[in-house]
Amino acid sequence: KQSFIATIHNFCDSQLAHYVGNQSALGLLRAMLLGDEQGFDPELRQAYSQTGIIHIVSISGSHVAMMFLLISAILFWLRGRHADWIKYLIGLTVVWLYVLVAGAPPSAVRSAVMFSIVALSVITAREGQALNTLMAAAFILLVGRPQWLFALGFQLSFLAVLSILLFYQPLVRLWPQNNRLAKHLWQAVCVSFAAEILIAPLVVYYFHNFPVSFVVANLVSSIALGLCTLIGGVAVIALCWIPPVAGFLGELIGILVEGFNKFIIVLQGINPHSFQFLQISVGELLLLYVVIISLAIWLLLKKPKAVLFALPALLMFISSITINKVLAWKSNRLIVYNNGKQASIERIGGGYFLPYISGSDESYYSKAAHTGYYSWRKVGRDSSFNNYFSIAGKNVLILSDSTANQFNGVLPVDILILARPLRQMRVQTAFQAFQPKVIVLAQRVSAYQLRRWHDSCIAHQCRLYNVATGGAFVLE
């Protein structure tokens, strides 16, 4: 027998599936409203991430705020001294019910706790301060879940709210607006900028990406997704007992989401390709925060001496980045990736990478190496390209077929990389022709083949390296 919460969740999911025919819109609504992200298109997720709006998908503070605004709009007719008290009391109940129906993801629980503190301060007629509310919410959450201190979601959501509280008002005051529309637009821009100040270094550290179009993307997503799609999805569920209206809203949401996704893909293309391969270390991350905090103390608290901390930290940050890039550009390495059944081999150095097998430039496995070694530019093969070369003082041969069976001469190599199925390759011929010191199995092989090559390597005093079990093979 299903619980009451599970029944509500399944009912909402079935109504969305029935009335929202567009699969992209349906996957997005399920993620935004019900916390079910399995149906969300991975390519769209990548586009949302690279444009800085992935936060709109996960249930967080913006969703809780939208839910309370919806409740306030429904209860607009309430007047009198206790109107806010009643709104917040109802809102508190609805918000926690919503969080439970959505599966109580950590981001939603964090937002609900913060809203609860605000609501209780209103209900008890106590004047609260936003910064104290944030700190109290963080304290309560960490008492219940101390491990959240090291969770990326907690760090990002906490820093985003803290950044808005610290920098929003100073940014708004930089350009006062008299026109109501211009004022609201400028305030929205300031919210996006303010949130980005403290979370940008963390985003670069974890995701190696910085979305240059985040202001535009956030403005449009707040309207198209935050208001129209989120409220529209709630309306579809609420009005399911009027099928024509729910069906019309479902179709409208599908058209809106389809157009918005096309717009986001255009913005994704504007983002420089190099901004998807940013790399900073923990030390560099801390130096960035020293710079930001020192400048904030100078500008917000009017203490110029804080610059004395910012300048050395900035100099150390630039020096560290420069040294790492120089070392990476001087490096020259060969990597055989643990890429499942298909072999993936490439050479990295000098800021470029050259794929030998399987075009690994689009591989999840190789992107980390491209980012870490500052080598994300691809080099094309020229007419002199071959699979026999020297690197790090070692002669390397990559065998991508069974031509070794017809090889009559002797070509001694230090490292022999087997990049294709081994069933048709004669073991004895490979050892006689190439006399390798190390054999690298670049793809998964059967237990029988692995045992055959293992026994032969022992007999010929040759080292056998299997990337399927030993991880990526790196020669540098």
Foldseek 3Di string as FASTA:
>chain_A
DDDPLQVVLVLLLVLLVVQFPQQQLSLQQCQQQQVDNPSHDPVLCVLCLQQVNNVNRHHAQLSLVLQLVVLCVVLVVDDDDCSLLVSLVVSLVVLVSSCVSSVVDVRSVLNSLLSVVVSVCVNVVHDDDSVVSLVVSVVVVCVVPVVCVVPPSSVLVSLLSVQCSQFLVVQCVVDPDDDPVVSVLSSLLSSQVSSCLRCVLVCCAPQVADNPNNSVLSVVCCPLPSPLSNVLSVVLSVVVVVVVVSNVSSVVNSVSVVVSSVVSVVSSVVGDPNRRQHHDDPLLSVLSVLLSVLVSCCVVVVDVCSVVRNVVSVVVNVVVVVVLQVVLQQDWKKKFFLQAAATWIWIGHNQAIETDPDPCLVPPGCSNVCNNSNRNHYDDDDPPDDQWDDDPNWTEGEDADQCLVVDDAAAEGAEYEDRYACPPHDLVSVCRRHVYQEYEDRGDYDPVVVVVNVVVCVVSVHHYHYCNPPGMDMDD
